[in-house]
Amino acid sequence: IAAPPSVLQLRADELRVRQVIVNLLTNAVKYTPDGGEISVSYN
């Protein structure tokens, strides 16, 4: 996880945004070979 130095907020439906991120992470894990890498960043 690459996080910015300051606190960052988003005005959104927390449950639905988490659902989107989890979907993307699940796909990334599913289609990344063993020993691969996944990075999450936000700014």
All heavy atoms as atom14 arrays in JSON, in Angstrom:
{
  "sequence": "IAAPPSVLQLRADELRVRQVIVNLLTNAVKYTPDGGEISVSYN",
  "atom14_mask": [
    [1, 1, 1, 1, 1, 1, 1, 1, 0, 0, 0, 0, 0, 0],
    [1, 1, 1, 1, 1, 0, 0, 0, 0, 0, 0, 0, 0, 0],
    [1, 1, 1, 1, 1, 0, 0, 0, 0, 0, 0, 0, 0, 0],
    [1, 1, 1, 1, 1, 1, 1, 0, 0, 0, 0, 0, 0, 0],
    [1, 1, 1, 1, 1, 1, 1, 0, 0, 0, 0, 0, 0, 0],
    [1, 1, 1, 1, 1, 1, 0, 0, 0, 0, 0, 0, 0, 0],
    [1, 1, 1, 1, 1, 1, 1, 0, 0, 0, 0, 0, 0, 0],
    [1, 1, 1, 1, 1, 1, 1, 1, 0, 0, 0, 0, 0, 0],
    [1, 1, 1, 1, 1, 1, 1, 1, 1, 0, 0, 0, 0, 0],
    [1, 1, 1, 1, 1, 1, 1, 1, 0, 0, 0, 0, 0, 0],
    [1, 1, 1, 1, 1, 1, 1, 1, 1, 1, 1, 0, 0, 0],
    [1, 1, 1, 1, 1, 0, 0, 0, 0, 0, 0, 0, 0, 0],
    [1, 1, 1, 1, 1, 1, 1, 1, 0, 0, 0, 0, 0, 0],
    [1, 1, 1, 1, 1, 1, 1, 1, 1, 0, 0, 0, 0, 0],
    [1, 1, 1, 1, 1, 1, 1, 1, 0, 0, 0, 0, 0, 0],
    [1, 1, 1, 1, 1, 1, 1, 1, 1, 1, 1, 0, 0, 0],
    [1, 1, 1, 1, 1, 1, 1, 0, 0, 0, 0, 0, 0, 0],
    [1, 1, 1, 1, 1, 1, 1, 1, 1, 1, 1, 0, 0, 0],
    [1, 1, 1, 1, 1, 1, 1, 1, 1, 0, 0, 0, 0, 0],
    [1, 1, 1, 1, 1, 1, 1, 0, 0, 0, 0, 0, 0, 0],
    [1, 1, 1, 1, 1, 1, 1, 1, 0, 0, 0, 0, 0, 0],
    [1, 1, 1, 1, 1, 1, 1, 0, 0, 0, 0, 0, 0, 0],
    [1, 1, 1, 1, 1, 1, 1, 1, 0, 0, 0, 0, 0, 0],
    [1, 1, 1, 1, 1, 1, 1, 1, 0, 0, 0, 0, 0, 0],
    [1, 1, 1, 1, 1, 1, 1, 1, 0, 0, 0, 0, 0, 0],
    [1, 1, 1, 1, 1, 1, 1, 0, 0, 0, 0, 0, 0, 0],
    [1, 1, 1, 1, 1, 1, 1, 1, 0, 0, 0, 0, 0, 0],
    [1, 1, 1, 1, 1, 0, 0, 0, 0, 0, 0, 0, 0, 0],
    [1, 1, 1, 1, 1, 1, 1, 0, 0, 0, 0, 0, 0, 0],
    [1, 1, 1, 1, 1, 1, 1, 1, 1, 0, 0, 0, 0, 0],
    [1, 1, 1, 1, 1, 1, 1, 1, 1, 1, 1, 1, 0, 0],
    [1, 1, 1, 1, 1, 1, 1, 0, 0, 0, 0, 0, 0, 0],
    [1, 1, 1, 1, 1, 1, 1, 0, 0, 0, 0, 0, 0, 0],
    [1, 1, 1, 1, 1, 1, 1, 1, 0, 0, 0, 0, 0, 0],
    [1, 1, 1, 1, 0, 0, 0, 0, 0, 0, 0, 0, 0, 0],
    [1, 1, 1, 1, 0, 0, 0, 0, 0, 0, 0, 0, 0, 0],
    [1, 1, 1, 1, 1, 1, 1, 1, 1, 0, 0, 0, 0, 0],
    [1, 1, 1, 1, 1, 1, 1, 1, 0, 0, 0, 0, 0, 0],
    [1, 1, 1, 1, 1, 1, 0, 0, 0, 0, 0, 0, 0, 0],
    [1, 1, 1, 1, 1, 1, 1, 0, 0, 0, 0, 0, 0, 0],
    [1, 1, 1, 1, 1, 1, 0, 0, 0, 0, 0, 0, 0, 0],
    [1, 1, 1, 1, 1, 1, 1, 1, 1, 1, 1, 1, 0, 0],
    [1, 1, 1, 1, 1, 1, 1, 1, 0, 0, 0, 0, 0, 0]
  ],
  "atom14_positions": [
    [[0.86, -1.19, 0.0], [0.0, 0.0, 0.0], [0.89, 1.23, 0.0], [1.79, 1.37, 0.85], [-0.92, 0.03, 1.22], [-1.83, -1.21, 1.24], [-1.76, 1.31, 1.24], [-2.71, -1.29, 2.48], [0.0, 0.0, 0.0], [0.0, 0.0, 0.0], [0.0, 0.0, 0.0], [0.0, 0.0, 0.0], [0.0, 0.0, 0.0], [0.0, 0.0, 0.0]],
    [[0.66, 2.14, -0.95], [1.39, 3.42, -1.0], [0.41, 4.53, -0.62], [-0.51, 4.84, -1.37], [1.95, 3.66, -2.4], [0.0, 0.0, 0.0], [0.0, 0.0, 0.0], [0.0, 0.0, 0.0], [0.0, 0.0, 0.0], [0.0, 0.0, 0.0], [0.0, 0.0, 0.0], [0.0, 0.0, 0.0], [0.0, 0.0, 0.0], [0.0, 0.0, 0.0]],
    [[0.63, 5.09, 0.58], [-0.31, 6.08, 1.1], [0.32, 7.47, 1.08], [1.54, 7.61, 1.29], [-0.71, 5.73, 2.52], [0.0, 0.0, 0.0], [0.0, 0.0, 0.0], [0.0, 0.0, 0.0], [0.0, 0.0, 0.0], [0.0, 0.0, 0.0], [0.0, 0.0, 0.0], [0.0, 0.0, 0.0], [0.0, 0.0, 0.0], [0.0, 0.0, 0.0]],
    [[-0.45, 8.54, 0.85], [0.07, 9.9, 0.89], [0.36, 10.3, 2.34], [-0.17, 9.7, 3.28], [-1.08, 10.74, 0.3], [-2.3, 9.94, 0.6], [-1.88, 8.51, 0.53], [0.0, 0.0, 0.0], [0.0, 0.0, 0.0], [0.0, 0.0, 0.0], [0.0, 0.0, 0.0], [0.0, 0.0, 0.0], [0.0, 0.0, 0.0], [0.0, 0.0, 0.0]],
    [[1.18, 11.34, 2.56], [1.54, 11.73, 3.94], [0.38, 12.33, 4.73], [0.37, 12.28, 5.94], [2.65, 12.77, 3.73], [2.41, 13.32, 2.34], [1.89, 12.17, 1.54], [0.0, 0.0, 0.0], [0.0, 0.0, 0.0], [0.0, 0.0, 0.0], [0.0, 0.0, 0.0], [0.0, 0.0, 0.0], [0.0, 0.0, 0.0], [0.0, 0.0, 0.0]],
    [[-0.6, 12.89, 4.04], [-1.72, 13.54, 4.74], [-2.97, 12.67, 4.66], [-3.08, 11.79, 3.81], [-2.01, 14.91, 4.11], [-2.34, 14.77, 2.75], [0.0, 0.0, 0.0], [0.0, 0.0, 0.0], [0.0, 0.0, 0.0], [0.0, 0.0, 0.0], [0.0, 0.0, 0.0], [0.0, 0.0, 0.0], [0.0, 0.0, 0.0], [0.0, 0.0, 0.0]],
    [[-3.88, 12.95, 5.59], [-5.15, 12.22, 5.62], [-5.98, 12.64, 4.4], [-6.1, 13.81, 4.08], [-5.93, 12.51, 6.91], [-7.29, 11.83, 6.87], [-5.13, 12.04, 8.12], [0.0, 0.0, 0.0], [0.0, 0.0, 0.0], [0.0, 0.0, 0.0], [0.0, 0.0, 0.0], [0.0, 0.0, 0.0], [0.0, 0.0, 0.0], [0.0, 0.0, 0.0]],
    [[-6.53, 11.65, 3.72], [-7.33, 11.92, 2.52], [-8.7, 11.31, 2.7], [-8.83, 10.14, 3.08], [-6.63, 11.31, 1.3], [-7.16, 11.75, -0.08], [-7.02, 13.26, -0.24], [-6.4, 11.05, -1.18], [0.0, 0.0, 0.0], [0.0, 0.0, 0.0], [0.0, 0.0, 0.0], [0.0, 0.0, 0.0], [0.0, 0.0, 0.0], [0.0, 0.0, 0.0]],
    [[-9.74, 12.13, 2.47], [-11.12, 11.65, 2.65], [-11.86, 11.67, 1.32], [-11.52, 12.4, 0.39], [-11.87, 12.52, 3.66], [-11.44, 12.27, 5.1], [-12.42, 12.88, 6.07], [-13.05, 13.88, 5.78], [-12.55, 12.26, 7.23], [0.0, 0.0, 0.0], [0.0, 0.0, 0.0], [0.0, 0.0, 0.0], [0.0, 0.0, 0.0], [0.0, 0.0, 0.0]],
    [[-12.88, 10.83, 1.27], [-13.71, 10.69, 0.08], [-15.17, 10.75, 0.51], [-15.55, 10.13, 1.51], [-13.41, 9.35, -0.61], [-14.25, 8.99, -1.84], [-13.93, 9.95, -2.96], [-13.95, 7.55, -2.27], [0.0, 0.0, 0.0], [0.0, 0.0, 0.0], [0.0, 0.0, 0.0], [0.0, 0.0, 0.0], [0.0, 0.0, 0.0], [0.0, 0.0, 0.0]],
    [[-15.96, 11.51, -0.23], [-17.41, 11.58, 0.04], [-18.08, 10.52, -0.83], [-18.24, 10.7, -2.04], [-17.95, 12.96, -0.3], [-19.43, 13.15, 0.03], [-19.64, 13.18, 1.52], [-21.04, 13.36, 1.86], [-21.51, 13.31, 3.07], [-20.7, 13.11, 4.1], [-22.8, 13.47, 3.31], [0.0, 0.0, 0.0], [0.0, 0.0, 0.0], [0.0, 0.0, 0.0]],
    [[-18.43, 9.37, -0.22], [-18.95, 8.26, -1.02], [-19.67, 7.27, -0.12], [-19.7, 7.4, 1.1], [-17.79, 7.56, -1.75], [0.0, 0.0, 0.0], [0.0, 0.0, 0.0], [0.0, 0.0, 0.0], [0.0, 0.0, 0.0], [0.0, 0.0, 0.0], [0.0, 0.0, 0.0], [0.0, 0.0, 0.0], [0.0, 0.0, 0.0], [0.0, 0.0, 0.0]],
    [[-20.29, 6.27, -0.77], [-20.91, 5.15, -0.07], [-19.78, 4.16, 0.27], [-19.22, 3.49, -0.6], [-21.96, 4.48, -0.97], [-22.74, 3.4, -0.24], [-22.13, 2.67, 0.57], [-23.95, 3.27, -0.51], [0.0, 0.0, 0.0], [0.0, 0.0, 0.0], [0.0, 0.0, 0.0], [0.0, 0.0, 0.0], [0.0, 0.0, 0.0], [0.0, 0.0, 0.0]],
    [[-19.42, 4.11, 1.54], [-18.25, 3.33, 1.95], [-18.39, 1.85, 1.55], [-17.44, 1.23, 1.07], [-18.06, 3.44, 3.47], [-16.86, 2.68, 3.97], [-16.63, 2.91, 5.46], [-17.41, 3.66, 6.08], [-15.66, 2.34, 6.0], [0.0, 0.0, 0.0], [0.0, 0.0, 0.0], [0.0, 0.0, 0.0], [0.0, 0.0, 0.0], [0.0, 0.0, 0.0]],
    [[-19.58, 1.27, 1.74], [-19.78, -0.14, 1.42], [-19.55, -0.41, -0.06], [-18.86, -1.38, -0.43], [-21.2, -0.57, 1.82], [-21.59, -2.01, 1.48], [-20.72, -2.97, 2.26], [-23.07, -2.25, 1.8], [0.0, 0.0, 0.0], [0.0, 0.0, 0.0], [0.0, 0.0, 0.0], [0.0, 0.0, 0.0], [0.0, 0.0, 0.0], [0.0, 0.0, 0.0]],
    [[-20.07, 0.47, -0.93], [-19.95, 0.24, -2.37], [-18.52, 0.47, -2.87], [-18.03, -0.24, -3.75], [-20.93, 1.14, -3.12], [-22.39, 0.82, -2.85], [-22.69, -0.62, -3.2], [-24.11, -0.93, -2.95], [-24.65, -2.11, -3.17], [-23.88, -3.1, -3.62], [-25.93, -2.34, -2.94], [0.0, 0.0, 0.0], [0.0, 0.0, 0.0], [0.0, 0.0, 0.0]],
    [[-17.82, 1.48, -2.32], [-16.44, 1.7, -2.74], [-15.56, 0.54, -2.29], [-14.67, 0.08, -3.02], [-15.92, 3.04, -2.18], [-14.45, 3.22, -2.54], [-16.73, 4.19, -2.75], [0.0, 0.0, 0.0], [0.0, 0.0, 0.0], [0.0, 0.0, 0.0], [0.0, 0.0, 0.0], [0.0, 0.0, 0.0], [0.0, 0.0, 0.0], [0.0, 0.0, 0.0]],
    [[-15.81, 0.03, -1.06], [-15.05, -1.15, -0.61], [-15.33, -2.34, -1.53], [-14.43, -3.12, -1.87], [-15.43, -1.51, 0.83], [-14.62, -2.72, 1.34], [-15.08, -3.21, 2.7], [-14.8, -2.23, 3.73], [-15.7, -1.57, 4.41], [-16.98, -1.76, 4.15], [-15.37, -0.7, 5.33], [0.0, 0.0, 0.0], [0.0, 0.0, 0.0], [0.0, 0.0, 0.0]],
    [[-16.59, -2.48, -1.95], [-16.95, -3.57, -2.87], [-16.15, -3.47, -4.17], [-15.66, -4.47, -4.7], [-18.45, -3.52, -3.16], [-18.96, -4.62, -4.07], [-20.46, -4.5, -4.3], [-21.12, -3.64, -3.74], [-20.99, -5.37, -5.12], [0.0, 0.0, 0.0], [0.0, 0.0, 0.0], [0.0, 0.0, 0.0], [0.0, 0.0, 0.0], [0.0, 0.0, 0.0]],
    [[-15.97, -2.24, -4.69], [-15.21, -2.05, -5.92], [-13.75, -2.42, -5.71], [-13.14, -3.15, -6.5], [-15.33, -0.58, -6.39], [-14.39, -0.32, -7.56], [-16.77, -0.28, -6.81], [0.0, 0.0, 0.0], [0.0, 0.0, 0.0], [0.0, 0.0, 0.0], [0.0, 0.0, 0.0], [0.0, 0.0, 0.0], [0.0, 0.0, 0.0], [0.0, 0.0, 0.0]],
    [[-13.14, -1.92, -4.62], [-11.72, -2.18, -4.38], [-11.48, -3.67, -4.18], [-10.52, -4.25, -4.69], [-11.24, -1.37, -3.16], [-11.37, 0.13, -3.43], [-9.79, -1.72, -2.83], [-11.04, 1.01, -2.26], [0.0, 0.0, 0.0], [0.0, 0.0, 0.0], [0.0, 0.0, 0.0], [0.0, 0.0, 0.0], [0.0, 0.0, 0.0], [0.0, 0.0, 0.0]],
    [[-12.35, -4.33, -3.41], [-12.2, -5.77, -3.18], [-12.34, -6.54, -4.5], [-11.61, -7.51, -4.75], [-13.24, -6.25, -2.13], [-13.24, -7.78, -2.06], [-12.92, -5.67, -0.77], [0.0, 0.0, 0.0], [0.0, 0.0, 0.0], [0.0, 0.0, 0.0], [0.0, 0.0, 0.0], [0.0, 0.0, 0.0], [0.0, 0.0, 0.0], [0.0, 0.0, 0.0]],
    [[-13.28, -6.12, -5.37], [-13.41, -6.76, -6.68], [-12.1, -6.66, -7.47], [-11.63, -7.63, -8.07], [-14.53, -6.11, -7.48], [-15.9, -6.67, -7.13], [-15.98, -7.73, -6.51], [-16.95, -5.99, -7.51], [0.0, 0.0, 0.0], [0.0, 0.0, 0.0], [0.0, 0.0, 0.0], [0.0, 0.0, 0.0], [0.0, 0.0, 0.0], [0.0, 0.0, 0.0]],
    [[-11.51, -5.45, -7.48], [-10.27, -5.26, -8.23], [-9.13, -6.08, -7.63], [-8.33, -6.69, -8.35], [-9.9, -3.78, -8.25], [-10.9, -2.84, -8.94], [-10.4, -1.41, -8.89], [-11.17, -3.26, -10.38], [0.0, 0.0, 0.0], [0.0, 0.0, 0.0], [0.0, 0.0, 0.0], [0.0, 0.0, 0.0], [0.0, 0.0, 0.0], [0.0, 0.0, 0.0]],
    [[-9.04, -6.1, -6.29], [-7.98, -6.87, -5.64], [-8.16, -8.37, -5.87], [-7.19, -9.1, -6.09], [-7.96, -6.56, -4.14], [-7.43, -5.18, -3.75], [-7.65, -4.93, -2.27], [-5.95, -5.04, -4.09], [0.0, 0.0, 0.0], [0.0, 0.0, 0.0], [0.0, 0.0, 0.0], [0.0, 0.0, 0.0], [0.0, 0.0, 0.0], [0.0, 0.0, 0.0]],
    [[-9.42, -8.82, -5.82], [-9.69, -10.25, -6.05], [-9.27, -10.65, -7.47], [-8.65, -11.7, -7.68], [-11.18, -10.54, -5.84], [-11.53, -10.17, -4.49], [-11.48, -12.02, -6.02], [0.0, 0.0, 0.0], [0.0, 0.0, 0.0], [0.0, 0.0, 0.0], [0.0, 0.0, 0.0], [0.0, 0.0, 0.0], [0.0, 0.0, 0.0], [0.0, 0.0, 0.0]],
    [[-9.62, -9.81, -8.45], [-9.2, -10.09, -9.84], [-7.68, -10.09, -9.95], [-7.08, -10.92, -10.64], [-9.78, -9.06, -10.79], [-11.24, -9.31, -11.08], [-11.77, -10.38, -10.77], [-11.92, -8.34, -11.65], [0.0, 0.0, 0.0], [0.0, 0.0, 0.0], [0.0, 0.0, 0.0], [0.0, 0.0, 0.0], [0.0, 0.0, 0.0], [0.0, 0.0, 0.0]],
    [[-7.02, -9.12, -9.28], [-5.57, -9.03, -9.36], [-4.91, -10.29, -8.79], [-3.98, -10.83, -9.37], [-5.08, -7.79, -8.63], [0.0, 0.0, 0.0], [0.0, 0.0, 0.0], [0.0, 0.0, 0.0], [0.0, 0.0, 0.0], [0.0, 0.0, 0.0], [0.0, 0.0, 0.0], [0.0, 0.0, 0.0], [0.0, 0.0, 0.0], [0.0, 0.0, 0.0]],
    [[-5.41, -10.77, -7.62], [-4.86, -11.98, -7.02], [-5.12, -13.18, -7.94], [-4.26, -14.05, -8.14], [-5.47, -12.21, -5.63], [-5.04, -13.57, -5.08], [-5.04, -11.1, -4.68], [0.0, 0.0, 0.0], [0.0, 0.0, 0.0], [0.0, 0.0, 0.0], [0.0, 0.0, 0.0], [0.0, 0.0, 0.0], [0.0, 0.0, 0.0], [0.0, 0.0, 0.0]],
    [[-6.33, -13.22, -8.51], [-6.74, -14.37, -9.31], [-5.87, -14.52, -10.57], [-5.48, -15.63, -10.95], [-8.21, -14.23, -9.69], [-8.78, -15.45, -10.41], [-10.19, -15.15, -10.91], [-11.13, -14.79, -9.78], [-12.51, -14.57, -10.27], [0.0, 0.0, 0.0], [0.0, 0.0, 0.0], [0.0, 0.0, 0.0], [0.0, 0.0, 0.0], [0.0, 0.0, 0.0]],
    [[-5.56, -13.37, -11.21], [-4.86, -13.43, -12.49], [-3.38, -13.06, -12.39], [-2.73, -12.77, -13.39], [-5.55, -12.52, -13.51], [-6.98, -12.92, -13.74], [-8.04, -12.11, -13.34], [-7.28, -14.15, -14.34], [-9.35, -12.49, -13.53], [-8.59, -14.53, -14.54], [-9.62, -13.7, -14.13], [-10.92, -14.08, -14.32], [0.0, 0.0, 0.0], [0.0, 0.0, 0.0]],
    [[-2.84, -13.02, -11.16], [-1.4, -12.8, -10.97], [-0.74, -14.13, -10.62], [-1.19, -14.82, -9.69], [-1.16, -11.78, -9.84], [-1.72, -10.53, -10.23], [0.34, -11.6, -9.6], [0.0, 0.0, 0.0], [0.0, 0.0, 0.0], [0.0, 0.0, 0.0], [0.0, 0.0, 0.0], [0.0, 0.0, 0.0], [0.0, 0.0, 0.0], [0.0, 0.0, 0.0]],
    [[0.3, -14.52, -11.34], [0.96, -15.8, -11.05], [1.54, -15.83, -9.64], [1.75, -14.79, -9.01], [2.05, -15.88, -12.12], [1.63, -14.92, -13.18], [0.87, -13.84, -12.51], [0.0, 0.0, 0.0], [0.0, 0.0, 0.0], [0.0, 0.0, 0.0], [0.0, 0.0, 0.0], [0.0, 0.0, 0.0], [0.0, 0.0, 0.0], [0.0, 0.0, 0.0]],
    [[1.83, -17.05, -9.17], [2.43, -17.22, -7.84], [3.72, -16.42, -7.76], [4.56, -16.42, -8.68], [2.72, -18.69, -7.57], [1.43, -19.51, -7.49], [0.35, -18.89, -7.55], [1.51, -20.75, -7.38], [0.0, 0.0, 0.0], [0.0, 0.0, 0.0], [0.0, 0.0, 0.0], [0.0, 0.0, 0.0], [0.0, 0.0, 0.0], [0.0, 0.0, 0.0]],
    [[3.87, -15.73, -6.6], [5.07, -14.95, -6.38], [5.01, -13.56, -6.99], [6.0, -12.82, -6.93], [0.0, 0.0, 0.0], [0.0, 0.0, 0.0], [0.0, 0.0, 0.0], [0.0, 0.0, 0.0], [0.0, 0.0, 0.0], [0.0, 0.0, 0.0], [0.0, 0.0, 0.0], [0.0, 0.0, 0.0], [0.0, 0.0, 0.0], [0.0, 0.0, 0.0]],
    [[3.86, -13.19, -7.56], [3.73, -11.88, -8.18], [3.53, -10.78, -7.15], [3.55, -11.01, -5.93], [0.0, 0.0, 0.0], [0.0, 0.0, 0.0], [0.0, 0.0, 0.0], [0.0, 0.0, 0.0], [0.0, 0.0, 0.0], [0.0, 0.0, 0.0], [0.0, 0.0, 0.0], [0.0, 0.0, 0.0], [0.0, 0.0, 0.0], [0.0, 0.0, 0.0]],
    [[3.29, -9.55, -7.65], [3.14, -8.4, -6.77], [1.9, -7.59, -7.16], [1.57, -7.48, -8.34], [4.37, -7.49, -6.86], [5.65, -8.14, -6.35], [6.84, -7.19, -6.46], [6.65, -6.09, -7.04], [7.93, -7.54, -5.96], [0.0, 0.0, 0.0], [0.0, 0.0, 0.0], [0.0, 0.0, 0.0], [0.0, 0.0, 0.0], [0.0, 0.0, 0.0]],
    [[1.27, -7.04, -6.1], [0.11, -6.15, -6.28], [0.36, -4.91, -5.44], [0.77, -5.02, -4.28], [-1.2, -6.82, -5.86], [-1.47, -8.08, -6.69], [-2.37, -5.85, -5.97], [-2.66, -8.87, -6.2], [0.0, 0.0, 0.0], [0.0, 0.0, 0.0], [0.0, 0.0, 0.0], [0.0, 0.0, 0.0], [0.0, 0.0, 0.0], [0.0, 0.0, 0.0]],
    [[0.11, -3.73, -6.0], [0.27, -2.49, -5.24], [-1.04, -1.69, -5.29], [-1.71, -1.66, -6.31], [1.41, -1.65, -5.81], [1.12, -1.23, -7.13], [0.0, 0.0, 0.0], [0.0, 0.0, 0.0], [0.0, 0.0, 0.0], [0.0, 0.0, 0.0], [0.0, 0.0, 0.0], [0.0, 0.0, 0.0], [0.0, 0.0, 0.0], [0.0, 0.0, 0.0]],
    [[-1.35, -1.08, -4.15], [-2.54, -0.21, -4.04], [-2.06, 1.17, -3.63], [-1.33, 1.3, -2.63], [-3.55, -0.75, -3.02], [-4.78, 0.14, -3.0], [-3.93, -2.18, -3.34], [0.0, 0.0, 0.0], [0.0, 0.0, 0.0], [0.0, 0.0, 0.0], [0.0, 0.0, 0.0], [0.0, 0.0, 0.0], [0.0, 0.0, 0.0], [0.0, 0.0, 0.0]],
    [[-2.44, 2.19, -4.37], [-2.06, 3.57, -4.04], [-3.28, 4.47, -4.15], [-4.24, 4.16, -4.86], [-0.94, 4.06, -4.97], [-1.4, 4.07, -6.31], [0.0, 0.0, 0.0], [0.0, 0.0, 0.0], [0.0, 0.0, 0.0], [0.0, 0.0, 0.0], [0.0, 0.0, 0.0], [0.0, 0.0, 0.0], [0.0, 0.0, 0.0], [0.0, 0.0, 0.0]],
    [[-3.2, 5.61, -3.46], [-4.29, 6.58, -3.54], [-3.73, 7.96, -3.25], [-2.78, 8.14, -2.49], [-5.42, 6.24, -2.56], [-5.0, 6.08, -1.13], [-5.06, 7.14, -0.23], [-4.53, 4.86, -0.67], [-4.68, 6.99, 1.09], [-4.14, 4.68, 0.64], [-4.22, 5.76, 1.52], [-3.84, 5.61, 2.84], [0.0, 0.0, 0.0], [0.0, 0.0, 0.0]],
    [[-4.31, 8.98, -3.91], [-3.84, 10.36, -3.72], [-4.89, 11.32, -4.24], [-5.85, 10.91, -4.91], [-2.51, 10.58, -4.45], [-2.62, 10.31, -5.94], [-3.2, 11.1, -6.67], [-2.09, 9.16, -6.38], [0.0, 0.0, 0.0], [0.0, 0.0, 0.0], [0.0, 0.0, 0.0], [0.0, 0.0, 0.0], [0.0, 0.0, 0.0], [0.0, 0.0, 0.0]]
  ]
}
